N, C-alpha and C. Protein backbone atom coordinates (compact mmCIF):
# COMPACT_ATOMS: atom_id res chain seq x y z
N VAL A 1 113.32 93.74 62.12
CA VAL A 1 114.63 93.23 62.42
C VAL A 1 114.86 91.92 61.68
N LEU A 2 113.86 91.05 61.67
CA LEU A 2 114.01 89.77 60.96
C LEU A 2 114.25 89.98 59.47
N ALA A 3 113.49 90.86 58.86
CA ALA A 3 113.67 91.11 57.43
C ALA A 3 115.08 91.59 57.14
N SER A 4 115.63 92.38 58.04
CA SER A 4 117.00 92.86 57.88
C SER A 4 117.98 91.69 57.84
N MET A 5 117.78 90.72 58.72
CA MET A 5 118.67 89.55 58.76
C MET A 5 118.47 88.67 57.52
N VAL A 6 117.23 88.48 57.11
CA VAL A 6 116.94 87.62 55.96
C VAL A 6 117.48 88.22 54.66
N TYR A 7 117.26 89.52 54.46
CA TYR A 7 117.64 90.15 53.20
C TYR A 7 119.02 90.80 53.24
N GLY A 8 119.67 90.79 54.42
CA GLY A 8 121.01 91.35 54.52
C GLY A 8 121.08 92.85 54.38
N CYS A 9 120.05 93.54 54.77
CA CYS A 9 120.07 95.00 54.69
C CYS A 9 120.29 95.58 56.09
N PRO A 10 120.80 96.80 56.17
CA PRO A 10 121.06 97.39 57.48
C PRO A 10 119.76 97.69 58.24
N CYS A 11 119.87 97.66 59.56
CA CYS A 11 118.73 97.94 60.42
C CYS A 11 119.21 98.84 61.55
N THR A 12 118.50 99.93 61.79
CA THR A 12 118.82 100.84 62.87
C THR A 12 117.66 100.88 63.82
N LEU A 13 117.91 100.60 65.09
CA LEU A 13 116.87 100.64 66.10
C LEU A 13 116.99 101.93 66.90
N VAL A 14 115.87 102.57 67.13
CA VAL A 14 115.83 103.79 67.93
C VAL A 14 114.98 103.50 69.15
N GLU A 15 115.50 103.83 70.31
CA GLU A 15 114.78 103.58 71.56
C GLU A 15 113.44 104.32 71.54
N PRO A 16 112.35 103.62 71.88
CA PRO A 16 111.04 104.28 71.87
C PRO A 16 110.91 105.26 73.04
N GLY A 17 110.09 106.25 72.85
CA GLY A 17 109.81 107.21 73.91
C GLY A 17 109.67 108.62 73.36
N MET A 18 108.97 109.45 74.11
CA MET A 18 108.72 110.81 73.65
C MET A 18 110.01 111.60 73.45
N ALA A 19 111.00 111.38 74.30
CA ALA A 19 112.26 112.13 74.20
C ALA A 19 113.02 111.79 72.93
N THR A 20 112.76 110.62 72.36
CA THR A 20 113.51 110.18 71.18
C THR A 20 112.74 110.39 69.87
N LEU A 21 111.57 111.00 69.91
CA LEU A 21 110.82 111.22 68.67
C LEU A 21 111.63 112.00 67.64
N PRO A 22 112.26 113.10 68.00
CA PRO A 22 113.09 113.77 66.99
C PRO A 22 114.23 112.88 66.49
N ALA A 23 114.85 112.11 67.38
CA ALA A 23 115.95 111.23 66.98
C ALA A 23 115.47 110.18 65.99
N TRP A 24 114.26 109.68 66.18
CA TRP A 24 113.68 108.69 65.26
C TRP A 24 113.64 109.25 63.85
N LEU A 25 113.05 110.43 63.69
CA LEU A 25 112.92 111.01 62.35
C LEU A 25 114.26 111.49 61.81
N GLU A 26 115.14 111.98 62.67
CA GLU A 26 116.48 112.39 62.23
C GLU A 26 117.28 111.18 61.75
N THR A 27 117.09 110.03 62.39
CA THR A 27 117.77 108.81 61.96
C THR A 27 117.28 108.37 60.59
N ILE A 28 115.98 108.45 60.37
CA ILE A 28 115.42 108.13 59.04
C ILE A 28 116.04 109.05 58.00
N SER A 29 116.09 110.34 58.31
CA SER A 29 116.62 111.32 57.38
C SER A 29 118.11 111.09 57.11
N ARG A 30 118.89 110.85 58.15
CA ARG A 30 120.34 110.69 58.03
C ARG A 30 120.73 109.40 57.30
N THR A 31 120.00 108.32 57.55
CA THR A 31 120.36 107.02 56.96
C THR A 31 119.60 106.69 55.68
N SER A 32 118.70 107.58 55.27
CA SER A 32 117.84 107.34 54.09
C SER A 32 117.07 106.03 54.25
N ALA A 33 116.54 105.82 55.44
CA ALA A 33 115.78 104.60 55.73
C ALA A 33 114.59 104.48 54.79
N THR A 34 114.21 103.24 54.51
CA THR A 34 113.09 103.01 53.60
C THR A 34 111.86 102.43 54.31
N ILE A 35 112.05 101.89 55.52
CA ILE A 35 110.94 101.27 56.25
C ILE A 35 111.00 101.74 57.70
N THR A 36 109.86 102.07 58.27
CA THR A 36 109.79 102.42 59.69
C THR A 36 108.42 102.03 60.23
N GLY A 37 108.31 102.06 61.52
CA GLY A 37 107.03 101.77 62.16
C GLY A 37 107.00 102.37 63.55
N ALA A 38 105.83 102.76 63.98
CA ALA A 38 105.67 103.35 65.31
C ALA A 38 104.19 103.31 65.69
N ALA A 39 103.94 103.59 66.93
CA ALA A 39 102.56 103.67 67.42
C ALA A 39 101.92 104.97 66.94
N ASP A 40 100.61 105.00 66.93
CA ASP A 40 99.85 106.17 66.51
C ASP A 40 100.32 107.43 67.22
N MET A 41 100.54 107.32 68.53
CA MET A 41 100.94 108.48 69.32
C MET A 41 102.25 109.08 68.80
N ALA A 42 103.18 108.24 68.37
CA ALA A 42 104.47 108.74 67.87
C ALA A 42 104.29 109.59 66.62
N TYR A 43 103.44 109.15 65.71
CA TYR A 43 103.19 109.92 64.50
C TYR A 43 102.52 111.25 64.84
N ARG A 44 101.56 111.23 65.74
CA ARG A 44 100.85 112.45 66.13
C ARG A 44 101.80 113.44 66.79
N LEU A 45 102.57 112.97 67.77
CA LEU A 45 103.47 113.87 68.50
C LEU A 45 104.63 114.35 67.63
N ALA A 46 105.15 113.50 66.79
CA ALA A 46 106.25 113.91 65.91
C ALA A 46 105.82 115.06 65.01
N SER A 47 104.58 115.04 64.60
CA SER A 47 104.05 116.10 63.74
C SER A 47 104.04 117.44 64.47
N ARG A 48 103.91 117.39 65.78
CA ARG A 48 103.87 118.62 66.59
C ARG A 48 105.25 119.05 67.08
N LEU A 49 106.15 118.09 67.27
CA LEU A 49 107.44 118.39 67.91
C LEU A 49 108.61 118.60 66.94
N VAL A 50 108.50 118.04 65.74
CA VAL A 50 109.63 118.09 64.81
C VAL A 50 109.27 118.95 63.60
N PRO A 51 109.99 120.04 63.40
CA PRO A 51 109.72 120.88 62.22
C PRO A 51 110.04 120.13 60.93
N ARG A 52 109.22 120.34 59.92
CA ARG A 52 109.43 119.67 58.63
C ARG A 52 110.82 119.99 58.06
N SER A 53 111.29 121.19 58.27
CA SER A 53 112.58 121.59 57.72
C SER A 53 113.76 120.85 58.35
N ARG A 54 113.53 120.19 59.47
CA ARG A 54 114.60 119.50 60.21
C ARG A 54 114.90 118.11 59.65
N VAL A 55 113.96 117.51 58.93
CA VAL A 55 114.14 116.14 58.44
C VAL A 55 113.67 116.00 56.99
N ASP A 56 114.24 115.01 56.32
CA ASP A 56 113.84 114.67 54.96
C ASP A 56 113.40 113.21 54.97
N LEU A 57 112.11 112.98 54.80
CA LEU A 57 111.56 111.62 54.88
C LEU A 57 111.23 111.02 53.52
N ARG A 58 111.74 111.63 52.46
CA ARG A 58 111.40 111.16 51.11
C ARG A 58 111.94 109.78 50.79
N SER A 59 112.91 109.28 51.54
CA SER A 59 113.45 107.94 51.29
C SER A 59 112.49 106.84 51.73
N LEU A 60 111.59 107.17 52.64
CA LEU A 60 110.66 106.16 53.16
C LEU A 60 109.75 105.61 52.08
N ARG A 61 109.60 104.29 52.08
CA ARG A 61 108.67 103.62 51.18
C ARG A 61 107.52 103.00 51.94
N ILE A 62 107.78 102.59 53.18
CA ILE A 62 106.76 101.97 54.02
C ILE A 62 106.86 102.55 55.42
N ALA A 63 105.75 102.99 55.95
CA ALA A 63 105.67 103.41 57.35
C ALA A 63 104.40 102.78 57.92
N THR A 64 104.56 101.97 58.94
CA THR A 64 103.40 101.31 59.53
C THR A 64 103.10 101.89 60.90
N THR A 65 101.87 101.76 61.30
CA THR A 65 101.46 102.18 62.63
C THR A 65 100.56 101.10 63.20
N GLY A 66 100.69 100.86 64.47
CA GLY A 66 99.89 99.83 65.14
C GLY A 66 100.28 99.78 66.60
N GLY A 67 99.82 98.77 67.27
CA GLY A 67 100.13 98.61 68.69
C GLY A 67 99.17 99.34 69.60
N GLU A 68 98.36 100.18 69.05
CA GLU A 68 97.31 100.89 69.78
C GLU A 68 96.28 101.33 68.74
N ALA A 69 95.23 101.96 69.19
CA ALA A 69 94.22 102.42 68.24
C ALA A 69 94.87 103.33 67.20
N VAL A 70 94.53 103.11 65.94
CA VAL A 70 95.07 103.92 64.85
C VAL A 70 94.03 104.95 64.45
N ARG A 71 94.43 106.21 64.50
CA ARG A 71 93.51 107.31 64.15
C ARG A 71 93.85 107.83 62.76
N ALA A 72 92.86 107.93 61.93
CA ALA A 72 93.07 108.49 60.59
C ALA A 72 93.59 109.91 60.70
N SER A 73 93.16 110.64 61.72
CA SER A 73 93.61 112.03 61.89
C SER A 73 95.11 112.09 62.17
N SER A 74 95.65 111.12 62.89
CA SER A 74 97.09 111.09 63.16
C SER A 74 97.87 110.85 61.88
N ILE A 75 97.38 109.92 61.08
CA ILE A 75 98.05 109.61 59.81
C ILE A 75 98.03 110.84 58.90
N ARG A 76 96.87 111.48 58.77
CA ARG A 76 96.76 112.68 57.92
C ARG A 76 97.68 113.79 58.42
N LEU A 77 97.69 114.00 59.73
CA LEU A 77 98.52 115.05 60.32
C LEU A 77 100.00 114.82 59.97
N PHE A 78 100.49 113.60 60.15
CA PHE A 78 101.88 113.27 59.87
C PHE A 78 102.19 113.43 58.38
N GLU A 79 101.35 112.85 57.53
CA GLU A 79 101.59 112.90 56.09
C GLU A 79 101.55 114.33 55.57
N ASP A 80 100.61 115.12 56.04
CA ASP A 80 100.52 116.52 55.61
C ASP A 80 101.70 117.34 56.11
N HIS A 81 102.04 117.16 57.38
CA HIS A 81 103.12 117.94 57.99
C HIS A 81 104.46 117.68 57.31
N PHE A 82 104.76 116.42 57.02
CA PHE A 82 106.07 116.08 56.45
C PHE A 82 106.05 115.91 54.92
N GLY A 83 104.89 116.13 54.30
CA GLY A 83 104.81 116.06 52.84
C GLY A 83 105.04 114.67 52.27
N VAL A 84 104.47 113.67 52.94
CA VAL A 84 104.61 112.28 52.48
C VAL A 84 103.22 111.63 52.34
N PRO A 85 102.42 112.10 51.40
CA PRO A 85 101.05 111.59 51.28
C PRO A 85 101.01 110.10 50.95
N GLY A 86 100.09 109.39 51.61
CA GLY A 86 99.86 107.98 51.34
C GLY A 86 100.93 107.05 51.89
N LEU A 87 101.80 107.54 52.75
CA LEU A 87 102.92 106.73 53.23
C LEU A 87 102.54 105.79 54.38
N VAL A 88 101.81 106.30 55.36
CA VAL A 88 101.57 105.54 56.60
C VAL A 88 100.42 104.55 56.41
N ARG A 89 100.70 103.30 56.76
CA ARG A 89 99.70 102.24 56.66
C ARG A 89 99.46 101.60 58.01
N PRO A 90 98.22 101.47 58.42
CA PRO A 90 97.96 100.75 59.68
C PRO A 90 98.36 99.29 59.54
N GLY A 91 98.95 98.77 60.58
CA GLY A 91 99.33 97.36 60.59
C GLY A 91 98.82 96.71 61.86
N TYR A 92 98.33 95.52 61.74
CA TYR A 92 97.82 94.82 62.90
C TYR A 92 98.58 93.51 63.02
N GLY A 93 98.93 93.17 64.23
CA GLY A 93 99.80 92.03 64.47
C GLY A 93 99.09 90.73 64.72
N LEU A 94 99.84 89.81 65.23
CA LEU A 94 99.37 88.46 65.46
C LEU A 94 98.20 88.40 66.44
N ALA A 95 98.20 89.28 67.42
CA ALA A 95 97.10 89.28 68.40
C ALA A 95 95.76 89.48 67.71
N GLU A 96 95.70 90.44 66.80
CA GLU A 96 94.45 90.71 66.09
C GLU A 96 94.10 89.56 65.15
N ALA A 97 95.10 89.01 64.46
CA ALA A 97 94.85 87.89 63.55
C ALA A 97 94.37 86.67 64.33
N SER A 98 94.99 86.42 65.47
CA SER A 98 94.57 85.27 66.30
C SER A 98 93.15 85.44 66.79
N ARG A 99 92.82 86.64 67.23
CA ARG A 99 91.47 86.90 67.73
C ARG A 99 90.45 86.67 66.61
N LYS A 100 90.76 87.11 65.41
CA LYS A 100 89.85 86.92 64.27
C LYS A 100 89.69 85.43 63.96
N ALA A 101 90.80 84.70 63.94
CA ALA A 101 90.73 83.27 63.64
C ALA A 101 89.91 82.54 64.69
N ILE A 102 90.14 82.86 65.95
CA ILE A 102 89.41 82.19 67.03
C ILE A 102 87.94 82.57 67.00
N SER A 103 87.64 83.83 66.72
CA SER A 103 86.23 84.23 66.68
C SER A 103 85.52 83.55 65.52
N SER A 104 86.22 83.35 64.41
CA SER A 104 85.61 82.66 63.27
C SER A 104 85.32 81.20 63.61
N ILE A 105 86.26 80.56 64.29
CA ILE A 105 86.05 79.16 64.70
C ILE A 105 84.88 79.07 65.67
N GLY A 106 84.85 80.02 66.63
CA GLY A 106 83.75 80.05 67.60
C GLY A 106 82.39 80.17 66.95
N VAL A 107 82.29 81.00 65.94
CA VAL A 107 81.02 81.16 65.22
C VAL A 107 80.65 79.87 64.52
N ALA A 108 81.64 79.23 63.88
CA ALA A 108 81.37 77.98 63.17
C ALA A 108 80.95 76.89 64.14
N LEU A 109 81.58 76.80 65.29
CA LEU A 109 81.23 75.79 66.27
C LEU A 109 79.84 76.03 66.83
N SER A 110 79.51 77.29 67.07
CA SER A 110 78.18 77.62 67.60
C SER A 110 77.11 77.21 66.59
N THR A 111 77.38 77.45 65.33
CA THR A 111 76.42 77.11 64.28
C THR A 111 76.20 75.61 64.23
N LYS A 112 77.28 74.83 64.30
CA LYS A 112 77.17 73.37 64.22
C LYS A 112 76.46 72.81 65.45
N SER A 113 76.79 73.30 66.64
CA SER A 113 76.18 72.75 67.83
C SER A 113 74.71 73.13 67.95
N GLY A 114 74.33 74.22 67.28
CA GLY A 114 72.93 74.65 67.34
C GLY A 114 72.06 73.96 66.32
N ALA A 115 72.64 73.17 65.43
CA ALA A 115 71.87 72.53 64.35
C ALA A 115 71.14 71.30 64.83
């Protein structure tokens, strides 16, 4: 949403939930969206619930997944089912980055105090 405001490009939000999985992909297809993101479960279920013939996802340039455990099998299933190889990229947010930064500091402090 922020990138949309900064770069002045349109942004369409789709309500999350299992009932809206087809609407999510239909919106991408209808608007020729170039960027999307969803949880691993959404990619896995969409591959099972939405026929490939119903949507055209070739406009997508970036698709991220995160917010829960990311399974390589979910990514492969989605990419194979919709014919978009190499599209989905795992993304990790601030929580993971913060945890890494704090754990690195903790290790450095432990090393110094043990010297």
